[in-house]
């Protein structure tokens, strides 16, 4: 739901690196559906993936 709403509103998508690959792909699909539904073109170059860093 959050990914779809983000796509509809033009927010920059972000995923976490601990999420399994198949779920990350699904997040992008849902984000894209929301964007297209609102007449927006999703831009994969804006997608961010966070990662954990131990210092």
PDB file of N, CA and C in Angstrom:
ATOM      1  N   UNK A   1       0.820  -1.188   0.000  1.00  0.00           N
ATOM      2  CA  UNK A   1       0.000   0.000   0.000  1.00  0.00           C
ATOM      3  C   UNK A   1       0.868   1.258   0.000  1.00  0.00           C
ATOM      4  N   UNK A   2       1.898   1.300   0.800  1.00  0.00           N
ATOM      5  CA  UNK A   2       2.762   2.480   0.856  1.00  0.00           C
ATOM      6  C   UNK A   2       3.474   2.693  -0.475  1.00  0.00           C
ATOM      7  N   UNK A   3       3.903   1.612  -1.119  1.00  0.00           N
ATOM      8  CA  UNK A   3       4.588   1.735  -2.408  1.00  0.00           C
ATOM      9  C   UNK A   3       3.637   2.286  -3.463  1.00  0.00           C
ATOM     10  N   UNK A   4       2.407   1.833  -3.463  1.00  0.00           N
ATOM     11  CA  UNK A   4       1.421   2.311  -4.440  1.00  0.00           C
ATOM     12  C   UNK A   4       1.137   3.798  -4.221  1.00  0.00           C
ATOM     13  N   UNK A   5       0.930   4.186  -2.972  1.00  0.00           N
ATOM     14  CA  UNK A   5       0.669   5.591  -2.649  1.00  0.00           C
ATOM     15  C   UNK A   5       1.863   6.463  -3.021  1.00  0.00           C
ATOM     16  N   UNK A   6       3.065   5.978  -2.751  1.00  0.00           N
ATOM     17  CA  UNK A   6       4.266   6.714  -3.123  1.00  0.00           C
ATOM     18  C   UNK A   6       4.350   6.943  -4.621  1.00  0.00           C
ATOM     19  N   UNK A   7       4.012   5.922  -5.386  1.00  0.00           N
ATOM     20  CA  UNK A   7       4.002   6.058  -6.839  1.00  0.00           C
ATOM     21  C   UNK A   7       2.965   7.056  -7.314  1.00  0.00           C
ATOM     22  N   UNK A   8       1.799   7.024  -6.688  1.00  0.00           N
ATOM     23  CA  UNK A   8       0.733   7.949  -7.062  1.00  0.00           C
ATOM     24  C   UNK A   8       1.125   9.398  -6.787  1.00  0.00           C
ATOM     25  N   UNK A   9       1.851   9.614  -5.709  1.00  0.00           N
ATOM     26  CA  UNK A   9       2.189  10.979  -5.281  1.00  0.00           C
ATOM     27  C   UNK A   9       3.556  11.454  -5.770  1.00  0.00           C
ATOM     28  N   UNK A  10       4.279  10.596  -6.462  1.00  0.00           N
ATOM     29  CA  UNK A  10       5.569  10.990  -7.015  1.00  0.00           C
ATOM     30  C   UNK A  10       6.713  10.981  -6.024  1.00  0.00           C
ATOM     31  N   UNK A  11       6.561  10.235  -4.923  1.00  0.00           N
ATOM     32  CA  UNK A  11       7.633  10.140  -3.933  1.00  0.00           C
ATOM     33  C   UNK A  11       8.777   9.293  -4.479  1.00  0.00           C
ATOM     34  N   UNK A  12       9.976   9.491  -3.949  1.00  0.00           N
ATOM     35  CA  UNK A  12      11.129   8.680  -4.331  1.00  0.00           C
ATOM     36  C   UNK A  12      11.039   7.355  -3.573  1.00  0.00           C
ATOM     37  N   UNK A  13      11.036   6.212  -4.285  1.00  0.00           N
ATOM     38  CA  UNK A  13      10.930   4.919  -3.603  1.00  0.00           C
ATOM     39  C   UNK A  13      12.236   4.530  -2.911  1.00  0.00           C
ATOM     40  N   UNK A  14      12.106   3.830  -1.787  1.00  0.00           N
ATOM     41  CA  UNK A  14      13.273   3.321  -1.065  1.00  0.00           C
ATOM     42  C   UNK A  14      12.949   1.923  -0.547  1.00  0.00           C
ATOM     43  N   UNK A  15      13.919   1.035  -0.641  1.00  0.00           N
ATOM     44  CA  UNK A  15      13.795  -0.329  -0.119  1.00  0.00           C
ATOM     45  C   UNK A  15      14.997  -0.591   0.773  1.00  0.00           C
ATOM     46  N   UNK A  16      14.871  -1.567   1.647  1.00  0.00           N
ATOM     47  CA  UNK A  16      15.961  -1.923   2.551  1.00  0.00           C
ATOM     48  C   UNK A  16      16.671  -3.167   2.015  1.00  0.00           C
ATOM     49  N   UNK A  17      17.961  -3.262   2.226  1.00  0.00           N
ATOM     50  CA  UNK A  17      18.744  -4.368   1.680  1.00  0.00           C
ATOM     51  C   UNK A  17      18.428  -5.714   2.331  1.00  0.00           C
ATOM     52  N   UNK A  18      17.735  -5.749   3.442  1.00  0.00           N
ATOM     53  CA  UNK A  18      17.422  -7.008   4.124  1.00  0.00           C
ATOM     54  C   UNK A  18      16.188  -7.699   3.545  1.00  0.00           C
ATOM     55  N   UNK A  19      15.506  -7.035   2.631  1.00  0.00           N
ATOM     56  CA  UNK A  19      14.307  -7.585   2.018  1.00  0.00           C
ATOM     57  C   UNK A  19      14.698  -8.582   0.929  1.00  0.00           C
ATOM     58  N   UNK A  20      14.053  -9.759   0.884  1.00  0.00           N
ATOM     59  CA  UNK A  20      14.359 -10.730  -0.173  1.00  0.00           C
ATOM     60  C   UNK A  20      14.131 -10.126  -1.569  1.00  0.00           C
ATOM     61  N   UNK A  21      14.932 -10.550  -2.520  1.00  0.00           N
ATOM     62  CA  UNK A  21      14.916  -9.995  -3.879  1.00  0.00           C
ATOM     63  C   UNK A  21      13.526 -10.022  -4.501  1.00  0.00           C
ATOM     64  N   UNK A  22      12.796 -11.124  -4.356  1.00  0.00           N
ATOM     65  CA  UNK A  22      11.475 -11.214  -4.980  1.00  0.00           C
ATOM     66  C   UNK A  22      10.511 -10.181  -4.396  1.00  0.00           C
ATOM     67  N   UNK A  23      10.668  -9.840  -3.129  1.00  0.00           N
ATOM     68  CA  UNK A  23       9.806  -8.821  -2.524  1.00  0.00           C
ATOM     69  C   UNK A  23      10.195  -7.418  -2.981  1.00  0.00           C
ATOM     70  N   UNK A  24      11.489  -7.185  -3.166  1.00  0.00           N
ATOM     71  CA  UNK A  24      11.941  -5.887  -3.671  1.00  0.00           C
ATOM     72  C   UNK A  24      11.400  -5.673  -5.082  1.00  0.00           C
ATOM     73  N   UNK A  25      11.438  -6.720  -5.908  1.00  0.00           N
ATOM     74  CA  UNK A  25      10.887  -6.610  -7.257  1.00  0.00           C
ATOM     75  C   UNK A  25       9.401  -6.283  -7.194  1.00  0.00           C
ATOM     76  N   UNK A  26       8.692  -6.938  -6.293  1.00  0.00           N
ATOM     77  CA  UNK A  26       7.251  -6.681  -6.150  1.00  0.00           C
ATOM     78  C   UNK A  26       6.997  -5.247  -5.689  1.00  0.00           C
ATOM     79  N   UNK A  27       7.860  -4.718  -4.810  1.00  0.00           N
ATOM     80  CA  UNK A  27       7.714  -3.328  -4.367  1.00  0.00           C
ATOM     81  C   UNK A  27       7.783  -2.384  -5.566  1.00  0.00           C
ATOM     82  N   UNK A  28       8.741  -2.645  -6.465  1.00  0.00           N
ATOM     83  CA  UNK A  28       8.862  -1.786  -7.651  1.00  0.00           C
ATOM     84  C   UNK A  28       7.634  -1.915  -8.543  1.00  0.00           C
ATOM     85  N   UNK A  29       7.137  -3.140  -8.711  1.00  0.00           N
ATOM     86  CA  UNK A  29       5.945  -3.351  -9.536  1.00  0.00           C
ATOM     87  C   UNK A  29       4.756  -2.569  -8.982  1.00  0.00           C
ATOM     88  N   UNK A  30       4.564  -2.628  -7.667  1.00  0.00           N
ATOM     89  CA  UNK A  30       3.450  -1.922  -7.027  1.00  0.00           C
ATOM     90  C   UNK A  30       3.636  -0.410  -7.151  1.00  0.00           C
ATOM     91  N   UNK A  31       4.861   0.059  -6.921  1.00  0.00           N
ATOM     92  CA  UNK A  31       5.159   1.487  -7.070  1.00  0.00           C
ATOM     93  C   UNK A  31       4.832   1.949  -8.492  1.00  0.00           C
ATOM     94  N   UNK A  32       5.252   1.170  -9.480  1.00  0.00           N
ATOM     95  CA  UNK A  32       5.006   1.512 -10.884  1.00  0.00           C
ATOM     96  C   UNK A  32       3.517   1.546 -11.202  1.00  0.00           C
ATOM     97  N   UNK A  33       2.773   0.580 -10.685  1.00  0.00           N
ATOM     98  CA  UNK A  33       1.323   0.553 -10.901  1.00  0.00           C
ATOM     99  C   UNK A  33       0.683   1.831 -10.375  1.00  0.00           C
ATOM    100  N   UNK A  34       1.098   2.241  -9.184  1.00  0.00           N
ATOM    101  CA  UNK A  34       0.566   3.474  -8.602  1.00  0.00           C
ATOM    102  C   UNK A  34       0.919   4.690  -9.436  1.00  0.00           C
ATOM    103  N   UNK A  35       2.159   4.748  -9.901  1.00  0.00           N
ATOM    104  CA  UNK A  35       2.602   5.885 -10.713  1.00  0.00           C
ATOM    105  C   UNK A  35       1.822   5.952 -12.022  1.00  0.00           C
ATOM    106  N   UNK A  36       1.733   4.834 -12.731  1.00  0.00           N
ATOM    107  CA  UNK A  36       1.004   4.814 -14.000  1.00  0.00           C
ATOM    108  C   UNK A  36      -0.467   5.161 -13.794  1.00  0.00           C
ATOM    109  N   UNK A  37      -1.045   4.670 -12.685  1.00  0.00           N
ATOM    110  CA  UNK A  37      -2.447   4.959 -12.384  1.00  0.00           C
ATOM    111  C   UNK A  37      -2.711   6.441 -12.169  1.00  0.00           C
ATOM    112  N   UNK A  38      -1.690   7.173 -11.729  1.00  0.00           N
ATOM    113  CA  UNK A  38      -1.826   8.611 -11.486  1.00  0.00           C
ATOM    114  C   UNK A  38      -1.298   9.438 -12.662  1.00  0.00           C
ATOM    115  N   UNK A  39      -0.962   8.755 -13.768  1.00  0.00           N
ATOM    116  CA  UNK A  39      -0.468   9.465 -14.940  1.00  0.00           C
ATOM    117  C   UNK A  39       0.987   9.893 -14.835  1.00  0.00           C
ATOM    118  N   UNK A  40       1.745   9.217 -13.970  1.00  0.00           N
ATOM    119  CA  UNK A  40       3.164   9.539 -13.797  1.00  0.00           C
ATOM    120  C   UNK A  40       4.014   8.440 -14.427  1.00  0.00           C
ATOM    121  N   UNK A  41       5.196   8.806 -14.868  1.00  0.00           N
ATOM    122  CA  UNK A  41       6.150   7.841 -15.418  1.00  0.00           C
ATOM    123  C   UNK A  41       7.143   7.482 -14.310  1.00  0.00           C
ATOM    124  N   UNK A  42       7.150   6.225 -13.824  1.00  0.00           N
ATOM    125  CA  UNK A  42       8.110   5.859 -12.779  1.00  0.00           C
ATOM    126  C   UNK A  42       9.534   5.868 -13.334  1.00  0.00           C
ATOM    127  N   UNK A  43      10.464   6.371 -12.553  1.00  0.00           N
ATOM    128  CA  UNK A  43      11.858   6.489 -12.976  1.00  0.00           C
ATOM    129  C   UNK A  43      12.721   5.634 -12.054  1.00  0.00           C
ATOM    130  N   UNK A  44      13.184   4.510 -12.568  1.00  0.00           N
ATOM    131  CA  UNK A  44      13.962   3.572 -11.758  1.00  0.00           C
ATOM    132  C   UNK A  44      15.262   4.187 -11.235  1.00  0.00           C
ATOM    133  N   UNK A  45      15.783   5.198 -11.905  1.00  0.00           N
ATOM    134  CA  UNK A  45      17.023   5.827 -11.440  1.00  0.00           C
ATOM    135  C   UNK A  45      16.817   6.592 -10.130  1.00  0.00           C
ATOM    136  N   UNK A  46      15.572   6.871  -9.778  1.00  0.00           N
ATOM    137  CA  UNK A  46      15.269   7.562  -8.521  1.00  0.00           C
ATOM    138  C   UNK A  46      15.132   6.597  -7.338  1.00  0.00           C
ATOM    139  N   UNK A  47      15.028   5.300  -7.623  1.00  0.00           N
ATOM    140  CA  UNK A  47      14.817   4.284  -6.599  1.00  0.00           C
ATOM    141  C   UNK A  47      16.058   4.157  -5.733  1.00  0.00           C
ATOM    142  N   UNK A  48      15.879   4.112  -4.433  1.00  0.00           N
ATOM    143  CA  UNK A  48      16.986   4.005  -3.489  1.00  0.00           C
ATOM    144  C   UNK A  48      16.901   2.685  -2.727  1.00  0.00           C
ATOM    145  N   UNK A  49      18.065   2.094  -2.474  1.00  0.00           N
ATOM    146  CA  UNK A  49      18.169   0.889  -1.650  1.00  0.00           C
ATOM    147  C   UNK A  49      19.074   1.252  -0.479  1.00  0.00           C
ATOM    148  N   UNK A  50      18.549   1.109   0.732  1.00  0.00           N
ATOM    149  CA  UNK A  50      19.372   1.414   1.905  1.00  0.00           C
ATOM    150  C   UNK A  50      20.168   0.179   2.293  1.00  0.00           C
ATOM    151  N   UNK A  51      21.216   0.380   3.054  1.00  0.00           N
ATOM    152  CA  UNK A  51      21.989  -0.759   3.541  1.00  0.00           C
ATOM    153  C   UNK A  51      22.542  -0.438   4.914  1.00  0.00           C
ATOM    154  N   UNK A  52      22.790  -1.486   5.661  1.00  0.00           N
ATOM    155  CA  UNK A  52      23.339  -1.341   7.004  1.00  0.00           C
ATOM    156  C   UNK A  52      24.852  -1.202   6.917  1.00  0.00           C
ATOM    157  N   UNK A  53      25.394  -0.325   7.733  1.00  0.00           N
ATOM    158  CA  UNK A  53      26.842  -0.134   7.788  1.00  0.00           C
ATOM    159  C   UNK A  53      27.268  -0.204   9.249  1.00  0.00           C
ATOM    160  N   UNK A  54      28.223  -1.053   9.544  1.00  0.00           N
ATOM    161  CA  UNK A  54      28.753  -1.177  10.899  1.00  0.00           C
ATOM    162  C   UNK A  54      30.048  -0.386  10.975  1.00  0.00           C
ATOM    163  N   UNK A  55      30.099   0.543  11.897  1.00  0.00           N
ATOM    164  CA  UNK A  55      31.296   1.380  12.053  1.00  0.00           C
ATOM    165  C   UNK A  55      31.998   1.010  13.342  1.00  0.00           C
TER     166      UNK A  55
END
